[in-house]
Amino acid sequence: LQTTRASSVSFPLIAGCLNGLTEFLYSFSQSPEDSPENCRRIYTYVKKLSEPGQGRRVAQRAALNLVSIHGCQLSQHLYKDYQLWHETLLKWLALGDKDCKVAIKALDSFYRQIARTLNESKHGNEQAVFQVGLILYLSNIPLPAIFKIKETNTFHS
């Protein structure tokens, strides 16, 4: 991809390539089982583009769109980097309308792939991954005011 070789990057060109790749993956899977090297390379490029960055973010949105549609083909890699993806996708939720929409879809796909991988995993670290994921998830949910603890001194007047 152009991001690794050029000094000036054309993000609309990269977005077009990623959109084409997204369509290609409907017919020609590049999952770790089918094509491990291609899957790793695709994941590496998508991961590089996952940070929101500045500007129009067209390439970054295209990368997240690929994750939202074909996350199942990248699930092993997403699982390995689950903390990075969770934190990155939460950053996207705080951005504008277009960015937030693609982030919601990517986050949904990400959670589904992590759950599927945890369900199918036989590595023994599933509980740790689940606990960290649950803590990250719950720590980012705003609590209603009624649940917030207020310090009150009821014993001294």
Protein backbone atom coordinates (compact mmCIF):
# COMPACT_ATOMS: atom_id res chain seq x y z
CA LEU A 1 0.00 0.00 0.00
CA GLN A 2 1.01 3.55 -0.65
CA THR A 3 1.27 4.46 3.06
CA THR A 4 4.44 2.43 3.48
CA ARG A 5 6.33 3.79 0.46
CA ALA A 6 5.34 7.36 -0.33
CA SER A 7 6.23 10.58 1.40
CA SER A 8 2.94 12.24 0.45
CA VAL A 9 -0.03 9.98 1.00
CA SER A 10 -3.21 10.23 -1.05
CA PHE A 11 -5.90 9.19 1.40
CA PRO A 12 -8.72 9.29 -1.18
CA LEU A 13 -6.70 6.84 -3.29
CA ILE A 14 -6.17 4.57 -0.29
CA ALA A 15 -9.89 4.81 0.53
CA GLY A 16 -10.71 3.72 -3.02
CA CYS A 17 -8.34 0.76 -2.73
CA LEU A 18 -9.85 -0.26 0.61
CA ASN A 19 -13.39 0.04 -0.78
CA GLY A 20 -12.36 -2.17 -3.70
CA LEU A 21 -10.75 -4.64 -1.30
CA THR A 22 -13.91 -4.69 0.80
CA GLU A 23 -15.92 -5.70 -2.27
CA PHE A 24 -13.26 -8.24 -3.32
CA LEU A 25 -13.43 -9.95 0.08
CA TYR A 26 -17.10 -10.79 -0.45
CA SER A 27 -16.11 -13.28 -3.15
CA PHE A 28 -12.53 -14.16 -2.29
CA SER A 29 -11.89 -14.75 1.41
CA GLN A 30 -8.48 -13.88 2.77
CA SER A 31 -9.02 -15.41 6.20
CA PRO A 32 -6.12 -16.99 8.11
CA GLU A 33 -7.36 -20.42 7.04
CA ASP A 34 -7.59 -19.50 3.35
CA SER A 35 -4.63 -17.17 2.94
CA PRO A 36 -2.71 -16.45 6.15
CA GLU A 37 -0.10 -14.12 4.63
CA ASN A 38 -2.66 -11.98 2.77
CA CYS A 39 -4.84 -11.82 5.88
CA ARG A 40 -1.91 -10.64 7.97
CA ARG A 41 -0.99 -7.98 5.42
CA ILE A 42 -4.56 -6.72 5.14
CA TYR A 43 -4.83 -6.56 8.91
CA THR A 44 -1.53 -4.68 9.19
CA TYR A 45 -2.70 -1.97 6.78
CA VAL A 46 -6.14 -1.70 8.37
CA LYS A 47 -4.56 -1.43 11.81
CA LYS A 48 -2.24 1.36 10.59
CA LEU A 49 -5.28 3.28 9.39
CA SER A 50 -7.42 2.66 12.47
CA GLU A 51 -6.33 5.78 14.36
CA PRO A 52 -8.71 8.67 13.63
CA GLY A 53 -6.03 11.25 12.83
CA GLN A 54 -6.83 14.71 11.49
CA GLY A 55 -8.53 15.92 8.36
CA ARG A 56 -11.17 14.21 6.26
CA ARG A 57 -10.39 10.65 7.46
CA VAL A 58 -11.73 9.01 4.28
CA ALA A 59 -9.13 6.23 4.27
CA GLN A 60 -9.57 5.61 7.99
CA ARG A 61 -13.35 5.30 7.59
CA ALA A 62 -12.84 2.90 4.68
CA ALA A 63 -10.55 0.79 6.90
CA LEU A 64 -13.15 0.69 9.68
CA ASN A 65 -15.82 -0.16 7.14
CA LEU A 66 -13.72 -3.15 6.05
CA VAL A 67 -13.49 -4.24 9.70
CA SER A 68 -17.24 -3.87 10.17
CA ILE A 69 -18.05 -5.96 7.10
CA HIS A 70 -15.24 -8.51 7.08
CA GLY A 71 -14.22 -8.62 10.73
CA CYS A 72 -14.73 -12.38 10.73
CA GLN A 73 -11.81 -12.72 8.32
CA LEU A 74 -9.62 -10.68 10.67
CA SER A 75 -10.95 -12.08 13.96
CA GLN A 76 -7.73 -13.78 15.09
CA HIS A 77 -5.79 -10.55 14.65
CA LEU A 78 -8.51 -8.42 16.26
CA TYR A 79 -8.48 -10.79 19.23
CA LYS A 80 -4.71 -10.45 19.70
CA ASP A 81 -5.00 -6.64 19.75
CA TYR A 82 -8.35 -6.40 21.53
CA GLN A 83 -7.32 -3.61 23.93
CA LEU A 84 -5.92 -1.43 21.16
CA TRP A 85 -9.04 -1.87 19.04
CA HIS A 86 -11.42 -1.20 21.89
CA GLU A 87 -9.65 2.02 22.85
CA THR A 88 -9.29 3.14 19.23
CA LEU A 89 -12.93 2.52 18.36
CA LEU A 90 -14.06 4.42 21.44
CA LYS A 91 -12.05 7.43 20.17
CA TRP A 92 -14.02 7.23 16.93
CA LEU A 93 -17.33 7.36 18.80
CA ALA A 94 -16.47 10.84 20.07
CA LEU A 95 -16.05 12.21 16.53
CA GLY A 96 -18.61 13.63 14.11
CA ASP A 97 -21.60 12.03 12.44
CA LYS A 98 -19.93 10.07 9.59
CA ASP A 99 -17.11 8.93 11.84
CA CYS A 100 -19.42 7.88 14.65
CA LYS A 101 -21.62 5.84 12.30
CA VAL A 102 -18.73 3.80 10.93
CA ALA A 103 -17.32 3.42 14.46
CA ILE A 104 -20.57 1.96 15.76
CA LYS A 105 -20.61 -0.63 12.98
CA ALA A 106 -16.94 -1.49 13.47
CA LEU A 107 -17.37 -1.71 17.26
CA ASP A 108 -20.35 -4.03 16.83
CA SER A 109 -18.36 -6.27 14.48
CA PHE A 110 -15.37 -6.14 16.83
CA TYR A 111 -17.44 -7.21 19.85
CA ARG A 112 -19.05 -10.01 17.84
CA GLN A 113 -15.67 -11.32 16.70
CA ILE A 114 -14.19 -11.18 20.19
CA ALA A 115 -17.22 -13.02 21.59
CA ARG A 116 -17.03 -15.64 18.84
CA THR A 117 -13.30 -16.11 19.35
CA LEU A 118 -13.73 -16.40 23.13
CA ASN A 119 -16.48 -18.95 22.62
CA GLU A 120 -14.37 -21.07 20.26
CA SER A 121 -11.00 -20.59 22.00
CA LYS A 122 -9.12 -23.36 23.73
CA HIS A 123 -6.14 -21.31 24.89
CA GLY A 124 -7.18 -20.83 28.51
CA ASN A 125 -6.79 -17.03 28.64
CA GLU A 126 -10.42 -16.37 27.73
CA GLN A 127 -11.38 -15.31 31.25
CA ALA A 128 -8.62 -12.68 31.39
CA VAL A 129 -9.55 -11.30 27.97
CA PHE A 130 -13.23 -11.22 28.94
CA GLN A 131 -12.53 -9.47 32.25
CA VAL A 132 -10.32 -6.82 30.67
CA GLY A 133 -12.83 -6.32 27.86
CA LEU A 134 -15.71 -6.03 30.32
CA ILE A 135 -13.82 -3.55 32.48
CA LEU A 136 -12.92 -1.45 29.41
CA TYR A 137 -16.50 -1.58 28.19
CA LEU A 138 -18.08 -0.71 31.53
CA SER A 139 -15.56 2.02 32.31
CA ASN A 140 -16.72 3.93 29.24
CA ILE A 141 -20.44 3.88 29.97
CA PRO A 142 -21.56 7.14 31.57
CA LEU A 143 -23.49 6.49 34.75
CA PRO A 144 -26.71 8.33 35.47
CA ALA A 145 -26.42 10.94 38.21
CA ILE A 146 -28.45 8.79 40.62
CA PHE A 147 -25.66 6.17 40.70
CA LYS A 148 -22.82 8.56 41.34
CA ILE A 149 -21.51 8.41 44.87
CA LYS A 150 -21.45 11.69 46.76
CA GLU A 151 -19.31 12.20 49.78
CA THR A 152 -21.53 13.26 52.61
CA ASN A 153 -20.68 13.64 56.24
CA THR A 154 -23.78 12.46 58.05
CA PHE A 155 -22.16 11.95 61.45
CA HIS A 156 -20.88 15.46 62.04
CA SER A 157 -23.11 18.48 61.91
